[in-house]
Protein backbone atom coordinates (compact mmCIF):
# COMPACT_ATOMS: atom_id res chain seq x y z
CA ASP A 1 183.90 228.56 126.99
CA GLY A 2 187.08 230.49 126.18
CA SER A 3 187.87 228.63 122.96
CA TYR A 4 187.19 231.74 120.87
CA VAL A 5 188.90 234.26 123.12
CA TYR A 6 191.09 235.68 120.31
CA GLN A 7 188.42 235.79 117.59
CA ASP A 8 186.83 238.98 116.25
CA GLY A 9 183.23 239.04 115.14
CA ILE A 10 183.70 241.35 112.12
CA HIS A 11 187.01 242.98 111.23
CA ILE A 12 187.22 245.59 108.47
CA THR A 13 190.80 246.24 107.34
CA GLY A 14 190.11 248.39 104.30
CA GLY A 15 187.47 249.63 101.92
CA GLN A 16 184.63 252.09 101.50
CA TYR A 17 180.83 252.20 101.86
CA GLY A 18 180.49 249.25 104.23
CA ARG A 19 177.19 248.64 106.04
CA ILE A 20 176.72 246.39 109.06
CA ILE A 21 173.00 246.28 109.81
CA GLY A 22 171.43 244.67 112.89
CA PRO A 23 174.40 242.55 114.01
CA ASP A 24 174.05 240.11 116.90
CA ILE A 25 177.62 239.20 117.82
CA VAL A 26 179.26 237.31 120.68
CA SER A 27 183.05 237.36 120.40
CA GLY A 28 186.09 236.63 122.51
CA ASP A 29 188.08 239.48 120.96
CA ASP A 30 186.60 242.63 119.36
CA SER A 31 182.99 242.33 118.26
CA ILE A 32 183.59 244.82 115.43
CA GLY A 33 187.14 245.89 114.55
CA ILE A 34 187.80 248.77 112.15
CA GLY A 35 191.39 249.29 111.00
CA GLN A 36 194.88 247.97 111.75
CA HIS A 37 196.38 247.44 108.29
CA SER A 38 197.63 249.57 105.39
CA MET A 39 194.31 250.31 103.71
CA PRO A 40 192.25 253.44 104.43
CA ILE A 41 188.66 252.92 105.55
CA ARG A 42 185.90 255.41 104.72
CA ASP A 43 182.12 255.73 104.91
CA VAL A 44 181.25 252.76 107.11
CA ALA A 45 178.04 252.51 109.16
CA VAL A 46 176.97 250.15 111.95
CA ILE A 47 173.20 250.36 112.41
CA GLY A 48 171.41 248.74 115.35
CA GLY A 49 172.22 245.40 116.89
CA ASN A 50 173.79 243.90 119.99
CA LEU A 51 177.50 243.41 120.59
CA ARG A 52 179.02 241.31 123.37
CA SER A 53 182.73 240.68 123.91
CA THR A 54 184.17 238.53 126.68
CA HIS A 55 187.79 239.78 126.60
CA ALA A 56 188.06 242.85 124.36
CA GLN A 57 186.05 245.73 122.90
CA ASN A 58 182.57 245.88 121.44
CA ILE A 59 183.82 248.33 118.81
CA ARG A 60 187.51 249.00 118.22
CA GLY A 61 189.13 251.44 115.82
CA PHE A 62 192.89 251.06 115.67
CA ILE A 63 195.85 251.70 113.45
CA GLY A 64 199.54 250.82 113.62
CA TYR A 65 202.19 253.53 113.79
CA ASP A 66 203.47 252.47 110.35
CA TYR A 67 200.12 253.33 108.82
CA ALA A 68 199.21 256.48 110.74
CA THR A 69 198.63 258.45 107.54
CA ASN A 70 195.93 256.08 106.32
CA TYR A 71 192.74 257.64 107.56
CA ILE A 72 189.81 255.83 109.09
CA GLU A 73 187.16 258.42 108.46
CA ARG A 74 183.45 259.07 108.20
CA ILE A 75 182.38 256.19 110.45
CA GLY A 76 178.82 256.15 111.81
CA ILE A 77 177.55 253.98 114.69
CA TYR A 78 173.82 254.22 115.36
CA ASN A 79 171.56 252.70 118.05
CA VAL A 80 173.95 249.95 119.13
CA THR A 81 173.82 248.14 122.47
CA GLY A 82 177.05 246.74 123.89
CA SER A 83 177.98 244.61 126.88
CA GLY A 84 180.84 242.37 127.92
CA GLY A 85 183.15 241.00 130.54
CA SER A 86 185.37 242.74 133.06
CA SER A 87 188.38 243.64 130.92
CA ASN A 88 187.07 245.64 128.00
CA ALA A 89 185.40 248.82 126.78
CA ILE A 90 182.30 249.40 124.72
CA LEU A 91 184.37 251.55 122.33
CA GLN A 92 188.13 251.97 122.06
CA MET A 93 189.92 253.86 119.32
CA GLY A 94 193.44 255.19 118.86
CA THR A 95 196.90 254.23 120.02
CA GLU A 96 197.92 253.73 123.62
CA SER A 97 200.38 256.63 123.73
CA THR A 98 200.40 260.20 122.46
CA ASN A 99 200.35 260.31 118.68
CA VAL A 100 200.66 263.68 116.94
CA THR A 101 198.69 262.40 113.96
CA ARG A 102 194.91 262.23 113.92
CA PRO A 103 194.11 259.21 111.74
CA PHE A 104 190.52 258.92 113.01
CA LYS A 105 188.42 261.61 111.36
CA ASP A 106 184.74 262.50 111.49
CA TRP A 107 183.19 259.67 113.51
CA VAL A 108 179.57 259.92 114.68
CA ILE A 109 178.04 257.79 117.44
CA ASP A 110 174.32 258.30 118.05
CA GLY A 111 172.14 256.26 120.38
CA LEU A 112 174.63 254.03 122.19
CA LEU A 113 173.75 251.93 125.26
CA ALA A 114 176.40 250.28 127.42
CA VAL A 115 174.77 247.52 129.45
CA SER A 116 176.47 247.47 132.84
CA LYS A 117 176.74 244.36 134.97
CA GLN A 118 177.15 246.27 138.21
CA SER A 119 176.00 244.30 141.24
CA GLY A 120 175.97 245.91 144.67
CA THR A 121 179.42 246.69 146.06
CA ASN A 122 181.13 244.13 143.80
CA PRO A 123 180.74 245.66 140.33
CA VAL A 124 181.50 243.74 137.18
CA ALA A 125 181.39 246.08 134.20
CA PHE A 126 183.53 247.63 131.54
CA ASP A 127 187.09 248.64 132.38
CA ALA A 128 186.13 251.84 130.61
CA GLY A 129 183.01 252.92 128.81
CA LEU A 130 184.38 254.91 125.85
CA ILE A 131 188.08 255.46 125.06
CA VAL A 132 188.59 258.02 122.29
CA ARG A 133 192.13 258.93 121.16
CA ASN A 134 193.95 260.46 118.17
CA THR A 135 190.83 261.89 116.55
CA ASP A 136 189.90 265.01 114.60
CA GLY A 137 186.15 265.35 114.41
CA PHE A 138 184.12 263.12 116.73
CA VAL A 139 180.48 263.41 117.81
CA ILE A 140 178.81 261.27 120.43
CA LYS A 141 175.20 261.97 121.39
CA ASN A 142 172.29 260.23 123.05
CA ALA A 143 174.58 257.67 124.67
CA THR A 144 174.15 256.00 128.07
CA VAL A 145 177.03 254.53 130.07
CA PRO A 146 175.52 253.68 133.47
CA PHE A 147 178.72 252.38 135.09
CA SER A 148 182.33 251.48 134.37
CA ILE A 149 185.39 250.65 136.44
CA GLU A 150 187.56 253.28 134.73
CA PRO A 151 186.12 256.53 133.26
CA ASN A 152 182.80 256.36 131.43
CA LEU A 153 184.50 258.55 128.80
CA LEU A 154 188.28 258.87 128.44
CA LEU A 155 189.23 261.41 125.75
CA LEU A 156 192.94 261.86 124.91
CA ASP A 157 194.73 263.75 122.11
CA ALA A 158 191.52 264.59 120.28
CA ASP A 159 190.33 267.73 118.52
CA ASN A 160 186.88 268.98 117.54
CA VAL A 161 184.96 266.61 119.78
CA THR A 162 181.30 267.11 120.75
CA VAL A 163 179.61 265.15 123.55
CA GLU A 164 175.91 265.99 123.73
CA ASN A 165 172.77 264.70 125.49
CA CYS A 166 174.56 261.73 127.07
CA ARG A 167 174.10 260.13 130.47
CA PHE A 168 177.09 258.97 132.50
CA GLY A 169 176.51 257.08 135.74
CA GLY A 170 179.87 256.95 137.49
CA THR A 171 182.82 254.67 138.15
CA ALA A 172 184.53 252.55 140.75
CA TRP A 173 187.42 253.89 142.82
CA THR A 174 190.36 253.02 140.58
CA THR A 175 193.09 254.79 138.57
CA TYR A 176 191.32 258.04 137.75
CA ASN A 177 188.24 258.26 139.99
CA GLN A 178 186.75 260.41 137.23
CA THR A 179 183.55 259.87 135.28
CA VAL A 180 184.77 261.87 132.27
CA ARG A 181 188.47 262.68 131.72
CA VAL A 182 189.56 264.95 128.85
CA GLU A 183 193.27 265.51 128.24
CA ARG A 184 195.12 267.39 125.48
CA ALA A 185 192.00 268.25 123.53
CA GLU A 186 191.28 271.27 121.35
CA ARG A 187 187.77 272.60 120.76
CA PHE A 188 186.03 270.16 123.10
CA ARG A 189 182.28 270.73 123.51
CA PHE A 190 180.41 269.12 126.42
CA LEU A 191 176.76 270.09 126.03
CA ASN A 192 173.57 269.18 127.92
CA ASN A 193 174.87 265.97 129.45
CA SER A 194 173.94 264.34 132.75
CA ILE A 195 176.53 263.00 135.18
CA ALA A 196 174.75 261.38 138.10
CA ASN A 197 177.25 259.28 140.00
CA THR A 198 175.47 256.43 141.69
CA ASN A 199 178.03 255.66 144.37
CA GLU A 200 180.64 257.34 146.56
CA PHE A 201 183.59 255.89 144.65
CA THR A 202 183.65 258.57 141.93
CA ALA A 203 185.53 261.67 143.06
CA TYR A 204 185.11 263.83 139.95
CA GLY A 205 182.40 264.37 137.37
CA LEU A 206 184.40 266.04 134.58
CA TYR A 207 188.20 266.36 134.81
CA LEU A 208 189.74 268.65 132.19
CA VAL A 209 193.52 268.60 131.66
CA GLY A 210 195.70 270.74 129.39
CA SER A 211 193.03 271.53 126.81
CA GLY A 212 192.07 274.59 124.77
CA ASN A 213 188.84 276.34 123.82
CA SER A 214 186.59 273.94 125.71
CA GLN A 215 182.88 274.64 126.13
CA ILE A 216 181.14 273.11 129.17
CA ILE A 217 177.55 274.29 128.84
CA GLY A 218 174.13 273.22 130.10
CA ASN A 219 175.16 270.04 131.93
CA SER A 220 173.86 268.51 135.15
CA PHE A 221 176.41 267.20 137.66
CA ASN A 222 175.53 265.20 140.75
CA THR A 223 178.80 263.88 142.17
CA TRP A 224 180.28 262.64 145.41
CA PHE A 225 183.24 265.04 145.48
CA THR A 226 184.06 267.58 142.73
CA CYS A 227 181.72 268.32 139.82
CA ILE A 228 184.29 269.93 137.49
CA GLY A 229 188.05 269.71 138.02
CA LEU A 230 190.63 271.70 136.04
CA ALA A 231 194.31 270.72 135.88
CA GLY A 232 197.29 271.73 133.79
CA SER A 233 197.06 274.63 131.37
CA ASN A 234 193.47 274.94 130.18
CA ARG A 235 193.28 277.79 127.68
CA PHE A 236 190.07 279.82 127.29
CA PRO A 237 187.53 277.43 128.82
CA VAL A 238 183.87 278.48 128.77
CA ILE A 239 181.87 277.04 131.68
CA LYS A 240 178.31 278.28 132.04
CA ARG A 241 174.70 277.32 132.76
CA ASN A 242 175.63 274.05 134.50
CA TYR A 243 173.76 272.65 137.47
CA LEU A 244 176.21 271.46 140.12
CA THR A 245 175.59 269.28 143.18
CA ALA A 246 178.56 267.83 145.10
CA TYR A 247 177.99 265.74 148.22
């Protein structure tokens, strides 16, 4: 009813060896928040469960500029289902602007399902599926993001990222018009994923900007406009064994 719009479900601000097993959370703000304050956080796992947020993120990792040297590292998220309103993301981590530090280290997400609320030509779904920023060491595999208004995966200022065996279903025609956008990343690996855009609103499958040593291998693209777009100075990209269909 809106009375809990600013309330988190679980918020971890410091500590080590935390386990959240089988949560069933409805929240107005973040369902699970990890970070924000002056304590480092290490070795935390979220295993199974359902997360629903009406006005924020299902899972949020964040840190203030004053604490950018306090790492949030070795975080595992396994077999979680997330859904929400029309102004959130299933996962959001990092600061809003470019940050030269990489406080988020060695996260693993395995078996993630974003439940879309798309309905005909009037979609109601996540603003973005996954927003990953300011990381060094990030693996996401076996994830499904069937629809989002902004990119299914938005990756900014992140190094050593692997995206493998995921399914991305496309976006609405908004800011980026890109299912997956990767910008200022080093050693990005995009392996054996499926991008099958379900409507004509998504112009690009994968849009790679100003990144180095990227590997785009073994993926299937089925897009309305461009399967793979390159912009800026991409250094030493490897693009091979992909199946491309652009309508």
